[in-house]
Every structure is written in C-alpha cells, then in structure tokens.
N, C-alpha and C. Protein backbone atom coordinates (compact mmCIF):
# COMPACT_ATOMS: atom_id res chain seq x y z
N MET A 1 98.82 27.18 109.22
CA MET A 1 99.75 26.54 108.73
C MET A 1 100.19 25.51 109.20
N ASN A 2 100.55 24.48 108.63
CA ASN A 2 100.65 22.84 109.05
C ASN A 2 101.90 22.90 109.67
N GLU A 3 102.34 21.90 110.55
CA GLU A 3 103.46 21.68 110.97
C GLU A 3 104.27 20.74 110.01
N PRO A 4 105.87 21.41 110.09
CA PRO A 4 106.73 20.73 109.07
C PRO A 4 106.95 19.32 109.62
N LEU A 5 107.49 18.59 108.49
CA LEU A 5 107.84 17.11 109.03
C LEU A 5 109.55 17.14 109.39
N ILE A 6 109.78 16.34 110.31
CA ILE A 6 111.27 16.33 110.47
C ILE A 6 111.84 15.45 109.51
N ALA A 7 112.77 16.03 108.63
CA ALA A 7 113.54 15.01 107.32
C ALA A 7 114.59 14.39 108.17
N GLN A 8 115.02 15.03 109.08
CA GLN A 8 116.38 14.38 109.75
C GLN A 8 116.45 15.05 110.99
N ARG A 9 116.97 14.25 111.98
CA ARG A 9 117.07 14.70 113.48
C ARG A 9 118.84 15.12 113.48
N GLY A 10 119.08 16.29 112.75
CA GLY A 10 120.54 16.69 112.58
C GLY A 10 120.63 17.53 111.27
N PRO A 11 121.78 18.36 111.14
CA PRO A 11 121.84 19.02 110.17
C PRO A 11 122.29 18.29 108.98
N PHE A 12 122.16 19.05 107.72
CA PHE A 12 122.59 18.47 106.37
C PHE A 12 123.79 19.38 106.29
N ALA A 13 125.13 18.84 105.94
CA ALA A 13 126.33 19.82 105.64
C ALA A 13 126.33 19.82 104.18
N VAL A 14 126.06 21.04 103.60
CA VAL A 14 126.17 21.48 102.13
C VAL A 14 127.26 22.29 101.81
N GLN A 15 127.84 22.11 100.78
CA GLN A 15 128.70 23.05 100.20
C GLN A 15 127.98 23.90 99.08
N VAL A 16 128.15 25.29 99.40
CA VAL A 16 127.48 26.28 98.61
C VAL A 16 128.42 27.16 98.10
N LEU A 17 128.10 27.69 96.82
CA LEU A 17 128.83 28.40 96.01
C LEU A 17 128.43 29.71 96.12
N ALA A 18 129.63 30.61 96.18
CA ALA A 18 129.36 32.16 96.08
C ALA A 18 128.39 32.60 94.84
N GLY A 19 127.37 33.44 95.25
CA GLY A 19 126.72 34.03 94.19
C GLY A 19 125.28 33.19 93.60
N GLN A 20 125.54 32.05 94.40
CA GLN A 20 124.38 31.04 94.06
C GLN A 20 122.99 31.31 95.13
N ASP A 21 121.83 31.20 94.32
CA ASP A 21 120.62 31.08 95.10
C ASP A 21 120.35 29.68 95.37
N TYR A 22 119.81 29.58 96.63
CA TYR A 22 119.18 28.36 97.18
C TYR A 22 117.77 28.11 97.76
N PHE A 23 116.99 27.17 97.57
CA PHE A 23 115.85 27.28 98.32
C PHE A 23 115.77 25.93 99.26
N TRP A 24 115.70 26.16 100.41
CA TRP A 24 115.76 25.48 101.56
C TRP A 24 114.42 24.86 101.90
N CYS A 25 114.22 23.67 101.96
CA CYS A 25 112.80 23.04 102.13
C CYS A 25 112.55 23.32 103.61
N ARG A 26 111.43 24.06 103.83
CA ARG A 26 110.78 24.11 105.25
C ARG A 26 109.74 23.24 105.73
N CYS A 27 109.09 22.35 104.71
CA CYS A 27 108.05 21.60 105.05
C CYS A 27 108.58 20.26 105.38
N GLY A 28 109.77 19.57 104.95
CA GLY A 28 110.33 18.30 105.44
C GLY A 28 109.96 17.10 104.37
N ARG A 29 108.98 17.89 103.22
CA ARG A 29 108.62 16.47 102.38
C ARG A 29 109.42 16.43 101.47
N SER A 30 110.18 17.37 100.82
CA SER A 30 111.18 17.21 99.57
C SER A 30 111.65 15.86 99.89
N ALA A 31 112.21 15.15 98.67
CA ALA A 31 112.90 14.15 98.46
C ALA A 31 114.17 14.42 98.20
N SER A 32 114.47 15.73 98.05
CA SER A 32 115.75 16.27 97.55
C SER A 32 116.36 17.16 98.64
N GLN A 33 116.21 16.54 99.83
CA GLN A 33 116.60 17.32 101.23
C GLN A 33 118.12 17.72 101.16
N PRO A 34 118.27 18.95 101.72
CA PRO A 34 117.65 19.79 102.61
C PRO A 34 117.17 20.89 101.32
N PHE A 35 117.13 20.64 100.09
CA PHE A 35 116.44 21.54 99.36
C PHE A 35 114.95 21.12 98.70
N CYS A 36 114.51 22.48 98.30
CA CYS A 36 112.97 22.07 97.94
C CYS A 36 112.75 21.31 96.55
N ASP A 37 111.94 20.39 96.57
CA ASP A 37 111.39 19.74 95.19
C ASP A 37 110.09 19.89 94.67
N GLY A 38 109.47 20.82 95.50
CA GLY A 38 107.92 21.32 95.11
C GLY A 38 107.21 20.31 95.79
N ALA A 39 107.86 19.49 96.92
CA ALA A 39 106.61 18.57 97.55
C ALA A 39 105.69 19.46 98.39
N HIS A 40 105.85 20.62 98.92
CA HIS A 40 105.19 21.28 99.63
C HIS A 40 103.72 21.83 99.29
N LYS A 41 103.69 21.78 97.99
CA LYS A 41 102.41 22.17 97.30
C LYS A 41 101.29 21.45 98.14
N GLY A 42 100.25 22.30 98.55
CA GLY A 42 99.13 22.01 99.38
C GLY A 42 99.43 21.97 100.79
N SER A 43 100.55 22.29 101.30
CA SER A 43 100.87 21.95 102.58
C SER A 43 100.94 23.34 103.59
N GLY A 44 100.82 24.45 102.80
CA GLY A 44 100.84 25.78 103.38
C GLY A 44 102.03 26.46 103.73
N ILE A 45 103.19 25.56 103.43
CA ILE A 45 104.46 25.98 103.93
C ILE A 45 105.16 26.19 102.61
N THR A 46 105.95 27.21 102.35
CA THR A 46 106.71 27.55 101.37
C THR A 46 108.19 27.37 101.60
N PRO A 47 109.21 27.19 100.48
CA PRO A 47 110.61 27.17 100.76
C PRO A 47 111.18 28.67 101.22
N LEU A 48 112.33 28.37 101.78
CA LEU A 48 113.08 29.61 101.86
C LEU A 48 114.45 29.92 101.06
N LYS A 49 114.28 31.10 100.33
CA LYS A 49 115.31 31.29 99.45
C LYS A 49 116.34 32.04 100.16
N PHE A 50 117.78 31.56 100.08
CA PHE A 50 118.68 31.97 100.62
C PHE A 50 119.97 32.32 99.74
N HIS A 51 120.77 33.40 99.68
CA HIS A 51 121.84 33.48 98.74
C HIS A 51 123.24 33.34 99.44
N ALA A 52 123.94 32.57 98.81
CA ALA A 52 125.65 32.31 99.35
C ALA A 52 126.28 33.18 98.77
N GLU A 53 126.92 34.21 99.87
CA GLU A 53 127.74 35.22 99.64
C GLU A 53 129.20 34.95 99.23
N GLU A 54 129.64 33.54 99.72
CA GLU A 54 130.77 33.01 99.63
C GLU A 54 130.69 31.65 99.40
N ASP A 55 131.89 30.93 98.91
CA ASP A 55 132.06 29.44 98.75
C ASP A 55 132.10 28.87 100.22
N ASP A 56 131.12 28.15 100.81
CA ASP A 56 131.26 27.73 102.18
C ASP A 56 130.62 26.36 102.33
N LEU A 57 131.18 25.81 103.24
CA LEU A 57 130.16 24.44 103.97
C LEU A 57 129.43 25.11 104.96
N VAL A 58 128.18 24.88 104.86
CA VAL A 58 127.26 25.23 105.76
C VAL A 58 126.20 23.96 106.33
N TYR A 59 125.86 24.32 107.47
CA TYR A 59 124.89 22.96 107.98
C TYR A 59 123.39 23.61 108.01
N LEU A 60 122.67 23.23 107.26
CA LEU A 60 121.07 23.57 106.79
C LEU A 60 120.31 22.50 108.12
N CYS A 61 119.65 23.26 108.56
CA CYS A 61 118.49 22.43 109.36
C CYS A 61 117.75 21.33 108.79
N GLY A 62 117.96 20.18 109.64
CA GLY A 62 117.11 18.99 108.95
C GLY A 62 115.83 18.68 109.72
N CYS A 63 115.81 19.16 110.87
CA CYS A 63 114.56 19.02 111.72
C CYS A 63 113.29 20.00 111.27
N LYS A 64 113.81 21.11 110.80
CA LYS A 64 112.78 22.08 110.29
C LYS A 64 112.13 22.90 111.13
N HIS A 65 112.81 23.00 112.58
CA HIS A 65 112.39 23.73 113.62
C HIS A 65 113.26 24.85 114.29
N THR A 66 114.43 24.94 113.43
CA THR A 66 115.34 25.87 113.89
C THR A 66 114.93 27.25 113.82
N ARG A 67 115.36 28.04 114.71
CA ARG A 67 114.96 29.58 115.09
C ARG A 67 116.04 30.50 114.18
N THR A 68 116.96 29.82 113.43
CA THR A 68 117.72 30.40 112.50
C THR A 68 117.72 29.99 111.06
N PRO A 69 116.58 29.86 110.45
CA PRO A 69 116.53 29.31 109.22
C PRO A 69 117.23 30.08 108.10
N PRO A 70 118.17 29.42 107.42
CA PRO A 70 118.00 27.81 107.08
C PRO A 70 118.87 27.06 108.16
N TYR A 71 119.76 27.72 108.85
CA TYR A 71 120.88 27.16 109.51
C TYR A 71 120.59 26.41 110.73
N CYS A 72 121.19 25.33 110.93
CA CYS A 72 121.05 24.51 112.11
C CYS A 72 121.18 25.42 113.28
N ASP A 73 120.48 25.39 114.29
CA ASP A 73 120.88 25.91 115.66
C ASP A 73 120.84 24.92 116.72
N GLY A 74 120.56 23.62 116.51
CA GLY A 74 120.61 22.77 117.48
C GLY A 74 119.40 22.15 118.12
N THR A 75 118.12 22.59 117.55
CA THR A 75 117.04 22.72 118.10
C THR A 75 116.43 21.30 117.88
N HIS A 76 117.17 20.35 117.01
CA HIS A 76 116.91 19.04 116.94
C HIS A 76 117.33 18.25 118.29
N ASN A 77 118.11 18.55 119.05
CA ASN A 77 118.38 18.17 120.37
C ASN A 77 117.59 18.14 121.21
N ARG A 78 116.34 18.99 121.05
CA ARG A 78 115.51 19.20 122.15
C ARG A 78 114.03 18.68 121.54
N LEU A 79 113.90 18.15 120.63
CA LEU A 79 112.65 17.59 119.93
C LEU A 79 112.40 16.02 120.54
C-alpha cells in the first residue's frame, strides 16, 4: 500500500447531516478534500465510508495519518 499524501497539516471543519453517508479521502489526492473524488484509483488506497448519526460540526483529518479515522487526532502536529 502506498503512503497517503498530506492534503493539509490540520483538520477540515465540516458540517455533517444526520443520516447521511460520507466518503473521507484517505489517499490525499482528492481535489474535493476532505471527501473522495475518485483520484485514489491506482494508489492502492480506498476511501473510508462513515455515517453521520446527528447533525454536527466535525473535524476530519487533513494529514491522512490520524489514528482515529476519519477524525483528526492531532497527528499533524508530529509530522
């Protein structure tokens, strides 16, 4: 598996809607960060599907190295 690209050295603040599914970009290649746009094809890395249980403001990982995907855990501070 290839290493993900760092899309941003910090989280993306995103408003999610209850009942919706989202596909978080794990590869860092998407032009629609933090969500997948299909740019991962051929990278060996696939997006992560997650489901929003409630309307909420969430902080999605931008560095793609979090230990709590898709959420930011501060790993970008150590890169």
